Protein backbone atom coordinates (compact mmCIF):
# COMPACT_ATOMS: atom_id res chain seq x y z
CA UNK A 1 3.28 -37.58 -13.62
CA UNK A 2 0.12 -35.62 -12.76
CA UNK A 3 -3.02 -36.79 -14.40
CA UNK A 4 -4.32 -35.16 -17.53
CA UNK A 5 -7.27 -33.69 -15.61
CA UNK A 6 -4.97 -31.71 -13.28
CA UNK A 7 -2.98 -30.38 -16.24
CA UNK A 8 -6.14 -29.44 -18.11
CA UNK A 9 -7.63 -27.59 -15.09
CA UNK A 10 -4.34 -25.72 -14.61
CA UNK A 11 -4.41 -24.69 -18.29
CA UNK A 12 -8.05 -23.57 -18.01
CA UNK A 13 -7.23 -21.43 -14.96
CA UNK A 14 -4.20 -19.94 -16.68
CA UNK A 15 -6.03 -19.08 -19.89
CA UNK A 16 -9.50 -18.08 -18.65
CA UNK A 17 -8.76 -17.01 -15.07
CA UNK A 18 -9.97 -18.59 -11.85
CA UNK A 19 -13.58 -17.33 -11.95
CA UNK A 20 -14.39 -18.50 -15.48
CA UNK A 21 -12.45 -21.72 -15.01
CA UNK A 22 -14.38 -22.47 -11.80
CA UNK A 23 -17.62 -22.48 -13.80
CA UNK A 24 -16.29 -25.05 -16.27
CA UNK A 25 -14.72 -27.12 -13.49
CA UNK A 26 -18.00 -27.26 -11.62
CA UNK A 27 -20.12 -27.89 -14.73
CA UNK A 28 -17.90 -30.68 -16.03
CA UNK A 29 -16.82 -32.02 -12.59
CA UNK A 30 -13.17 -31.63 -13.51
CA UNK A 31 -11.77 -31.19 -9.98
CA UNK A 32 -13.90 -33.75 -8.16
CA UNK A 33 -12.36 -36.91 -9.58
CA UNK A 34 -8.91 -37.75 -10.91
CA UNK A 35 -8.95 -37.93 -14.70
CA UNK A 36 -6.01 -39.88 -16.08
CA UNK A 37 -7.47 -39.16 -19.53
CA UNK A 38 -10.15 -36.76 -20.74
CA UNK A 39 -12.38 -37.36 -23.74
CA UNK A 40 -11.97 -34.74 -26.47
CA UNK A 41 -15.70 -33.98 -26.17
CA UNK A 42 -15.26 -33.04 -22.49
CA UNK A 43 -12.27 -30.86 -23.29
CA UNK A 44 -14.12 -29.02 -26.08
CA UNK A 45 -17.22 -28.49 -23.94
CA UNK A 46 -15.26 -27.37 -20.88
CA UNK A 47 -13.30 -24.86 -22.98
CA UNK A 48 -16.54 -23.55 -24.51
CA UNK A 49 -18.08 -23.31 -21.04
CA UNK A 50 -15.08 -21.37 -19.65
CA UNK A 51 -15.11 -19.10 -22.70
CA UNK A 52 -18.80 -18.34 -22.20
CA UNK A 53 -18.27 -17.71 -18.49
CA UNK A 54 -15.39 -15.34 -19.27
CA UNK A 55 -17.53 -13.43 -21.76
CA UNK A 56 -20.30 -13.14 -19.17
CA UNK A 57 -17.86 -11.89 -16.48
CA UNK A 58 -16.35 -9.36 -18.89
CA UNK A 59 -19.82 -8.11 -19.81
CA UNK A 60 -20.72 -7.85 -16.14
CA UNK A 61 -17.53 -5.87 -15.46
CA UNK A 62 -18.28 -3.54 -18.38
CA UNK A 63 -21.80 -2.94 -17.13
CA UNK A 64 -20.46 -2.25 -13.63
CA UNK A 65 -17.95 0.21 -15.11
CA UNK A 66 -20.81 2.12 -16.74
CA UNK A 67 -22.76 2.10 -13.46
CA UNK A 68 -19.78 3.61 -11.60
CA UNK A 69 -18.77 6.02 -14.38
CA UNK A 70 -18.43 9.65 -13.30
CA UNK A 71 -18.36 10.83 -16.91
CA UNK A 72 -21.60 9.00 -17.76
CA UNK A 73 -23.18 9.79 -14.40
CA UNK A 74 -23.86 6.12 -13.71
CA UNK A 75 -26.43 5.30 -11.04
CA UNK A 76 -23.89 3.74 -8.68
CA UNK A 77 -21.67 6.82 -9.06
CA UNK A 78 -24.61 9.06 -8.19
CA UNK A 79 -25.46 6.82 -5.24
CA UNK A 80 -21.93 7.18 -3.79
CA UNK A 81 -21.92 10.94 -4.37
CA UNK A 82 -25.30 11.30 -2.67
CA UNK A 83 -24.19 9.15 0.29
CA UNK A 84 -21.17 11.43 0.75
CA UNK A 85 -23.37 14.52 0.55
CA UNK A 86 -21.48 15.92 -2.43
CA UNK A 87 -22.90 17.96 -5.28
CA UNK A 88 -21.98 16.07 -8.44
CA UNK A 89 -22.71 19.17 -10.52
CA UNK A 90 -19.62 20.77 -8.97
CA UNK A 91 -17.30 18.08 -10.35
CA UNK A 92 -15.45 19.33 -13.39
CA UNK A 93 -15.34 17.23 -16.57
CA UNK A 94 -11.58 16.77 -15.97
CA UNK A 95 -12.11 15.42 -12.47
CA UNK A 96 -14.86 13.09 -13.73
CA UNK A 97 -12.49 11.80 -16.40
CA UNK A 98 -9.74 11.35 -13.83
CA UNK A 99 -12.09 9.40 -11.54
CA UNK A 100 -13.03 7.06 -14.37
CA UNK A 101 -9.36 6.54 -15.26
CA UNK A 102 -8.47 5.77 -11.64
CA UNK A 103 -11.35 3.32 -11.34
CA UNK A 104 -10.70 1.59 -14.71
CA UNK A 105 -8.16 -0.98 -13.43
CA UNK A 106 -10.75 -2.36 -11.01
CA UNK A 107 -12.93 -3.50 -13.89
CA UNK A 108 -10.36 -5.54 -15.85
CA UNK A 109 -9.14 -8.03 -13.27
CA UNK A 110 -9.76 -11.73 -13.69
CA UNK A 111 -12.07 -11.77 -10.67
CA UNK A 112 -14.97 -9.38 -10.66
CA UNK A 113 -14.86 -6.77 -7.89
CA UNK A 114 -17.86 -6.47 -5.63
CA UNK A 115 -20.06 -3.37 -5.94
CA UNK A 116 -19.32 -2.66 -2.27
CA UNK A 117 -15.56 -2.65 -2.75
CA UNK A 118 -15.91 -0.47 -5.85
CA UNK A 119 -18.13 1.97 -3.95
CA UNK A 120 -15.53 2.15 -1.16
CA UNK A 121 -12.77 2.87 -3.68
CA UNK A 122 -14.84 5.56 -5.37
CA UNK A 123 -15.68 7.11 -1.99
CA UNK A 124 -12.01 7.25 -1.13
CA UNK A 125 -11.19 8.93 -4.42
CA UNK A 126 -14.01 11.46 -4.06
CA UNK A 127 -12.99 12.44 -0.53
CA UNK A 128 -9.26 12.63 -1.21
CA UNK A 129 -7.63 16.04 -1.47
CA UNK A 130 -7.14 16.92 -5.12
CA UNK A 131 -4.69 19.64 -5.95
């Protein structure tokens, strides 16, 4: 039978995702040593740590979504548009809304996307033929 520590880490990863779980695993040294049993205090604190990390990552993703928003004219959106040499004033409200909708799934994954990968995706969407 696997030790309790392995089962607990698997449950953390399943519930909070790998990024938030990694913070709790590192903070509470859950993956470094076999744990045939875990004190309730460690379990409570590791869960609270993973929950806090998840909240932070979700906040970071929400902020990044605002920065890349075409509708809000976020600074990262403007940066991509400028780099492509496009005139953002010529983008219709409908196209801006569509861009935000197409980008939205990249901000809800369990692992945060890098600003570089998001900029590449936005560049591809902006340069694609729209009919």
